[in-house]
Amino acid sequence: MKRRIKIYFDGGCRPNPGKMETAVVTGGAATVVYDAGVGSSMDAEWLALLAALRLAQELGLKNFVLLGDAAAVVAQANGAVPARGGAADHLSTFHTLVGEGPMPSVRHIKRTQNLAGIALARGR
């Protein structure tokens, strides 16, 4: 069995709402966007998840897991809780990106385990 590729994602903003930033980390490489527009912390987390999914697709990955510390975003992406307002728009984009393919694995991890969060904190 092939090893599952881990892709970490995290987003944030200061103040909330405010200027958003996102990070995606896989294979030891971090992609950090410090000016992802203006929005809420939930928007930033969703943008980071979408960036992680796009990266997996660009790399042609089939066996991967998306790991983030935003419990609400992970639950919404997995269909465990409804997405409302702006989150519903982000979820729609997520489903559009997935298309007819299998739903990617999206898992919640502790903030201290999130390499993307660590990358964001180092860049501040």
N, C-alpha and C. Protein backbone atom coordinates (compact mmCIF):
# COMPACT_ATOMS: atom_id res chain seq x y z
N MET A 1 0.84 -1.19 0.00
CA MET A 1 0.00 0.00 0.00
C MET A 1 0.88 1.25 0.00
N LYS A 2 0.54 2.18 -0.86
CA LYS A 2 1.31 3.41 -0.95
C LYS A 2 1.03 4.31 0.25
N ARG A 3 2.04 5.06 0.61
CA ARG A 3 1.92 6.00 1.71
C ARG A 3 1.02 7.16 1.29
N ARG A 4 0.12 7.54 2.17
CA ARG A 4 -0.79 8.66 1.92
C ARG A 4 -0.04 9.96 2.13
N ILE A 5 -0.10 10.85 1.14
CA ILE A 5 0.58 12.15 1.21
C ILE A 5 -0.22 13.08 2.11
N LYS A 6 0.45 13.71 3.05
CA LYS A 6 -0.19 14.66 3.96
C LYS A 6 -0.04 16.08 3.43
N ILE A 7 -1.17 16.78 3.35
CA ILE A 7 -1.16 18.18 2.94
C ILE A 7 -1.81 18.98 4.07
N TYR A 8 -1.03 19.84 4.70
CA TYR A 8 -1.51 20.65 5.82
C TYR A 8 -2.00 22.00 5.29
N PHE A 9 -3.08 22.50 5.88
CA PHE A 9 -3.59 23.81 5.49
C PHE A 9 -3.97 24.62 6.72
N ASP A 10 -3.83 25.94 6.61
CA ASP A 10 -4.24 26.82 7.70
C ASP A 10 -4.46 28.22 7.13
N GLY A 11 -5.37 28.94 7.74
CA GLY A 11 -5.65 30.31 7.35
C GLY A 11 -5.95 31.13 8.58
N GLY A 12 -5.80 32.43 8.44
CA GLY A 12 -6.09 33.31 9.56
C GLY A 12 -6.22 34.73 9.06
N CYS A 13 -6.60 35.60 9.96
CA CYS A 13 -6.69 37.02 9.62
C CYS A 13 -6.53 37.85 10.89
N ARG A 14 -6.04 39.05 10.69
CA ARG A 14 -5.89 40.00 11.78
C ARG A 14 -6.28 41.37 11.28
N PRO A 15 -7.19 42.06 11.92
CA PRO A 15 -8.15 41.56 12.92
C PRO A 15 -9.16 40.65 12.24
N ASN A 16 -10.12 40.17 12.99
CA ASN A 16 -11.15 39.28 12.45
C ASN A 16 -12.48 40.01 12.46
N PRO A 17 -13.06 40.37 11.33
CA PRO A 17 -12.53 40.18 9.98
C PRO A 17 -11.41 41.16 9.69
N GLY A 18 -10.62 40.79 8.68
CA GLY A 18 -9.48 41.63 8.32
C GLY A 18 -8.70 41.02 7.18
N LYS A 19 -7.43 41.39 7.09
CA LYS A 19 -6.55 40.90 6.04
C LYS A 19 -6.27 39.41 6.26
N MET A 20 -6.58 38.61 5.25
CA MET A 20 -6.43 37.15 5.37
C MET A 20 -5.07 36.69 4.87
N GLU A 21 -4.62 35.57 5.45
CA GLU A 21 -3.42 34.89 5.00
C GLU A 21 -3.67 33.39 5.04
N THR A 22 -2.98 32.66 4.15
CA THR A 22 -3.16 31.21 4.08
C THR A 22 -1.80 30.53 3.94
N ALA A 23 -1.76 29.27 4.33
CA ALA A 23 -0.55 28.47 4.15
C ALA A 23 -0.95 27.03 3.83
N VAL A 24 -0.16 26.42 2.96
CA VAL A 24 -0.30 25.01 2.62
C VAL A 24 1.10 24.42 2.68
N VAL A 25 1.24 23.26 3.34
CA VAL A 25 2.54 22.61 3.46
C VAL A 25 2.40 21.15 3.07
N THR A 26 3.29 20.70 2.20
CA THR A 26 3.40 19.28 1.87
C THR A 26 4.83 18.99 1.45
N GLY A 27 5.30 17.84 1.79
CA GLY A 27 6.65 17.44 1.40
C GLY A 27 7.73 18.40 1.86
N GLY A 28 7.51 19.08 2.96
CA GLY A 28 8.49 20.01 3.49
C GLY A 28 8.49 21.38 2.83
N ALA A 29 7.64 21.57 1.82
CA ALA A 29 7.57 22.86 1.13
C ALA A 29 6.32 23.61 1.56
N ALA A 30 6.50 24.89 1.89
CA ALA A 30 5.38 25.72 2.33
C ALA A 30 5.05 26.75 1.26
N THR A 31 3.75 26.91 1.03
CA THR A 31 3.26 27.99 0.17
C THR A 31 2.43 28.90 1.06
N VAL A 32 2.91 30.12 1.26
CA VAL A 32 2.25 31.06 2.15
C VAL A 32 1.80 32.28 1.34
N VAL A 33 0.55 32.66 1.52
CA VAL A 33 0.00 33.85 0.87
C VAL A 33 -0.36 34.81 2.00
N TYR A 34 0.34 35.95 2.04
CA TYR A 34 0.11 36.89 3.13
C TYR A 34 -0.98 37.91 2.82
N ASP A 35 -1.40 38.02 1.59
CA ASP A 35 -2.48 38.94 1.24
C ASP A 35 -3.51 38.18 0.40
N ALA A 36 -4.39 37.46 1.09
CA ALA A 36 -5.42 36.66 0.42
C ALA A 36 -6.75 37.41 0.39
N GLY A 37 -6.69 38.73 0.55
CA GLY A 37 -7.91 39.53 0.54
C GLY A 37 -8.36 39.84 1.94
N VAL A 38 -9.58 40.31 2.05
CA VAL A 38 -10.16 40.67 3.34
C VAL A 38 -11.36 39.76 3.59
N GLY A 39 -11.44 39.24 4.80
CA GLY A 39 -12.54 38.37 5.16
C GLY A 39 -12.42 37.95 6.60
N SER A 40 -13.14 36.90 6.94
CA SER A 40 -13.14 36.38 8.31
C SER A 40 -12.13 35.24 8.46
N SER A 41 -11.90 34.84 9.68
CA SER A 41 -10.99 33.71 9.90
C SER A 41 -11.55 32.44 9.25
N MET A 42 -12.88 32.29 9.24
CA MET A 42 -13.50 31.13 8.58
C MET A 42 -13.24 31.17 7.07
N ASP A 43 -13.36 32.36 6.48
CA ASP A 43 -13.05 32.49 5.05
C ASP A 43 -11.59 32.10 4.78
N ALA A 44 -10.69 32.56 5.62
CA ALA A 44 -9.27 32.26 5.44
C ALA A 44 -9.00 30.76 5.54
N GLU A 45 -9.64 30.09 6.48
CA GLU A 45 -9.48 28.64 6.62
C GLU A 45 -9.98 27.93 5.37
N TRP A 46 -11.14 28.36 4.87
CA TRP A 46 -11.69 27.76 3.65
C TRP A 46 -10.76 28.00 2.46
N LEU A 47 -10.23 29.22 2.32
CA LEU A 47 -9.32 29.51 1.21
C LEU A 47 -8.08 28.62 1.29
N ALA A 48 -7.60 28.37 2.49
CA ALA A 48 -6.45 27.49 2.66
C ALA A 48 -6.79 26.06 2.27
N LEU A 49 -7.97 25.57 2.67
CA LEU A 49 -8.39 24.22 2.28
C LEU A 49 -8.51 24.12 0.76
N LEU A 50 -9.10 25.11 0.13
CA LEU A 50 -9.24 25.10 -1.33
C LEU A 50 -7.87 25.12 -2.01
N ALA A 51 -6.94 25.89 -1.46
CA ALA A 51 -5.58 25.93 -2.01
C ALA A 51 -4.90 24.57 -1.87
N ALA A 52 -5.13 23.90 -0.74
CA ALA A 52 -4.55 22.57 -0.52
C ALA A 52 -5.10 21.56 -1.53
N LEU A 53 -6.40 21.62 -1.76
CA LEU A 53 -7.02 20.70 -2.73
C LEU A 53 -6.50 20.99 -4.14
N ARG A 54 -6.40 22.27 -4.50
CA ARG A 54 -5.86 22.63 -5.83
C ARG A 54 -4.42 22.12 -5.99
N LEU A 55 -3.62 22.25 -4.94
CA LEU A 55 -2.24 21.77 -5.00
C LEU A 55 -2.21 20.26 -5.24
N ALA A 56 -3.02 19.52 -4.51
CA ALA A 56 -3.08 18.07 -4.70
C ALA A 56 -3.44 17.73 -6.14
N GLN A 57 -4.39 18.47 -6.69
CA GLN A 57 -4.80 18.22 -8.07
C GLN A 57 -3.69 18.59 -9.05
N GLU A 58 -3.03 19.73 -8.84
CA GLU A 58 -1.94 20.16 -9.72
C GLU A 58 -0.80 19.15 -9.72
N LEU A 59 -0.55 18.54 -8.56
CA LEU A 59 0.52 17.54 -8.44
C LEU A 59 0.09 16.17 -8.94
N GLY A 60 -1.20 16.03 -9.26
CA GLY A 60 -1.71 14.75 -9.75
C GLY A 60 -1.80 13.69 -8.67
N LEU A 61 -1.93 14.13 -7.42
CA LEU A 61 -1.98 13.18 -6.30
C LEU A 61 -3.33 12.47 -6.25
N LYS A 62 -3.29 11.19 -5.95
CA LYS A 62 -4.52 10.40 -5.80
C LYS A 62 -4.71 9.95 -4.36
N ASN A 63 -3.62 9.68 -3.67
CA ASN A 63 -3.67 9.15 -2.31
C ASN A 63 -3.14 10.21 -1.35
N PHE A 64 -4.04 11.12 -0.92
CA PHE A 64 -3.63 12.22 -0.05
C PHE A 64 -4.70 12.47 1.00
N VAL A 65 -4.29 13.18 2.05
CA VAL A 65 -5.21 13.60 3.10
C VAL A 65 -4.94 15.08 3.37
N LEU A 66 -6.02 15.85 3.50
CA LEU A 66 -5.94 17.28 3.80
C LEU A 66 -6.11 17.44 5.30
N LEU A 67 -5.16 18.08 5.95
CA LEU A 67 -5.13 18.18 7.41
C LEU A 67 -5.19 19.63 7.85
N GLY A 68 -6.19 19.97 8.67
CA GLY A 68 -6.33 21.32 9.16
C GLY A 68 -6.83 21.36 10.59
N ASP A 69 -6.62 22.49 11.25
CA ASP A 69 -7.02 22.60 12.66
C ASP A 69 -8.32 23.37 12.86
N ALA A 70 -9.00 23.75 11.78
CA ALA A 70 -10.28 24.45 11.89
C ALA A 70 -11.41 23.41 11.91
N ALA A 71 -11.85 23.05 13.10
CA ALA A 71 -12.84 21.98 13.24
C ALA A 71 -14.11 22.25 12.44
N ALA A 72 -14.58 23.49 12.43
CA ALA A 72 -15.82 23.81 11.71
C ALA A 72 -15.66 23.61 10.21
N VAL A 73 -14.54 24.03 9.65
CA VAL A 73 -14.30 23.87 8.21
C VAL A 73 -14.18 22.39 7.85
N VAL A 74 -13.46 21.63 8.66
CA VAL A 74 -13.33 20.19 8.41
C VAL A 74 -14.70 19.52 8.46
N ALA A 75 -15.50 19.87 9.47
CA ALA A 75 -16.84 19.28 9.61
C ALA A 75 -17.72 19.65 8.43
N GLN A 76 -17.66 20.90 7.98
CA GLN A 76 -18.46 21.33 6.84
C GLN A 76 -18.00 20.63 5.56
N ALA A 77 -16.71 20.53 5.34
CA ALA A 77 -16.19 19.87 4.14
C ALA A 77 -16.59 18.40 4.09
N ASN A 78 -16.67 17.78 5.26
CA ASN A 78 -17.05 16.37 5.33
C ASN A 78 -18.56 16.14 5.37
N GLY A 79 -19.33 17.23 5.38
CA GLY A 79 -20.78 17.10 5.40
C GLY A 79 -21.36 16.76 6.76
N ALA A 80 -20.55 16.89 7.82
CA ALA A 80 -21.02 16.55 9.17
C ALA A 80 -21.90 17.65 9.75
N VAL A 81 -21.69 18.89 9.32
CA VAL A 81 -22.51 20.02 9.74
C VAL A 81 -22.80 20.88 8.52
N PRO A 82 -23.94 21.56 8.51
CA PRO A 82 -24.26 22.39 7.35
C PRO A 82 -23.37 23.63 7.27
N ALA A 83 -23.08 24.03 6.05
CA ALA A 83 -22.33 25.27 5.82
C ALA A 83 -23.33 26.35 5.46
N ARG A 84 -23.23 27.48 6.13
CA ARG A 84 -24.16 28.58 5.90
C ARG A 84 -23.40 29.84 5.52
N GLY A 85 -24.09 30.77 4.87
CA GLY A 85 -23.48 32.05 4.50
C GLY A 85 -22.31 31.85 3.57
N GLY A 86 -21.22 32.56 3.85
CA GLY A 86 -20.03 32.48 3.02
C GLY A 86 -19.44 31.08 2.98
N ALA A 87 -19.58 30.35 4.07
CA ALA A 87 -19.05 28.98 4.10
C ALA A 87 -19.74 28.10 3.06
N ALA A 88 -21.02 28.36 2.82
CA ALA A 88 -21.75 27.59 1.81
C ALA A 88 -21.17 27.83 0.42
N ASP A 89 -20.76 29.07 0.16
CA ASP A 89 -20.12 29.38 -1.13
C ASP A 89 -18.78 28.65 -1.25
N HIS A 90 -18.01 28.64 -0.18
CA HIS A 90 -16.72 27.94 -0.20
C HIS A 90 -16.93 26.44 -0.38
N LEU A 91 -17.94 25.89 0.29
CA LEU A 91 -18.23 24.46 0.15
C LEU A 91 -18.63 24.14 -1.28
N SER A 92 -19.38 25.02 -1.91
CA SER A 92 -19.77 24.82 -3.30
C SER A 92 -18.53 24.78 -4.20
N THR A 93 -17.59 25.68 -3.95
CA THR A 93 -16.34 25.69 -4.71
C THR A 93 -15.57 24.40 -4.48
N PHE A 94 -15.55 23.93 -3.25
CA PHE A 94 -14.88 22.67 -2.89
C PHE A 94 -15.47 21.53 -3.71
N HIS A 95 -16.81 21.43 -3.74
CA HIS A 95 -17.47 20.36 -4.48
C HIS A 95 -17.22 20.49 -5.98
N THR A 96 -17.17 21.71 -6.49
CA THR A 96 -16.87 21.93 -7.91
C THR A 96 -15.46 21.44 -8.23
N LEU A 97 -14.50 21.74 -7.36
CA LEU A 97 -13.13 21.27 -7.58
C LEU A 97 -13.04 19.75 -7.54
N VAL A 98 -13.77 19.13 -6.63
CA VAL A 98 -13.75 17.67 -6.52
C VAL A 98 -14.37 17.06 -7.77
N GLY A 99 -15.44 17.69 -8.28
CA GLY A 99 -16.10 17.19 -9.47
C GLY A 99 -16.72 15.83 -9.25
N GLU A 100 -16.57 14.98 -10.24
CA GLU A 100 -17.15 13.63 -10.18
C GLU A 100 -16.24 12.65 -9.45
N GLY A 101 -15.07 13.09 -9.07
CA GLY A 101 -14.12 12.20 -8.42
C GLY A 101 -14.53 11.89 -6.98
N PRO A 102 -13.77 11.02 -6.34
CA PRO A 102 -14.06 10.68 -4.95
C PRO A 102 -13.79 11.88 -4.03
N MET A 103 -14.56 11.97 -2.96
CA MET A 103 -14.33 13.04 -1.99
C MET A 103 -12.97 12.83 -1.32
N PRO A 104 -12.18 13.88 -1.25
CA PRO A 104 -10.88 13.74 -0.58
C PRO A 104 -11.07 13.59 0.92
N SER A 105 -10.10 12.99 1.54
CA SER A 105 -10.10 12.84 2.99
C SER A 105 -9.68 14.17 3.60
N VAL A 106 -10.53 14.72 4.46
CA VAL A 106 -10.23 15.97 5.17
C VAL A 106 -10.31 15.65 6.65
N ARG A 107 -9.21 15.84 7.37
CA ARG A 107 -9.17 15.46 8.78
C ARG A 107 -8.76 16.64 9.65
N HIS A 108 -9.30 16.63 10.86
CA HIS A 108 -8.95 17.64 11.87
C HIS A 108 -7.73 17.17 12.64
N ILE A 109 -6.82 18.11 12.87
CA ILE A 109 -5.65 17.84 13.70
C ILE A 109 -5.51 18.96 14.72
N LYS A 110 -4.69 18.72 15.73
CA LYS A 110 -4.44 19.76 16.74
C LYS A 110 -3.64 20.89 16.12
N ARG A 111 -3.86 22.07 16.63
CA ARG A 111 -3.14 23.25 16.13
C ARG A 111 -1.63 23.05 16.22
N THR A 112 -1.16 22.40 17.28
CA THR A 112 0.28 22.19 17.46
C THR A 112 0.86 21.22 16.45
N GLN A 113 0.02 20.43 15.79
CA GLN A 113 0.47 19.48 14.78
C GLN A 113 0.40 20.06 13.37
N ASN A 114 -0.19 21.23 13.21
CA ASN A 114 -0.45 21.78 11.89
C ASN A 114 0.79 22.51 11.36
N LEU A 115 1.49 21.87 10.44
CA LEU A 115 2.70 22.46 9.88
C LEU A 115 2.40 23.74 9.11
N ALA A 116 1.22 23.87 8.54
CA ALA A 116 0.85 25.09 7.83
C ALA A 116 0.68 26.25 8.84
N GLY A 117 0.09 25.97 9.97
CA GLY A 117 -0.04 26.98 11.01
C GLY A 117 1.30 27.44 11.53
N ILE A 118 2.22 26.50 11.64
CA ILE A 118 3.58 26.83 12.08
C ILE A 118 4.25 27.72 11.04
N ALA A 119 4.03 27.41 9.75
CA ALA A 119 4.61 28.24 8.68
C ALA A 119 4.05 29.65 8.72
N LEU A 120 2.75 29.78 8.97
CA LEU A 120 2.16 31.11 9.08
C LEU A 120 2.75 31.88 10.25
N ALA A 121 2.88 31.22 11.39
CA ALA A 121 3.40 31.89 12.59
C ALA A 121 4.85 32.34 12.39
N ARG A 122 5.64 31.57 11.66
CA ARG A 122 7.04 31.94 11.44
C ARG A 122 7.18 33.15 10.54
N GLY A 123 6.22 33.34 9.66
CA GLY A 123 6.30 34.45 8.71
C GLY A 123 5.82 35.77 9.26
N ARG A 124 5.25 35.76 10.44
CA ARG A 124 4.66 37.00 11.01
C ARG A 124 5.70 37.91 11.56
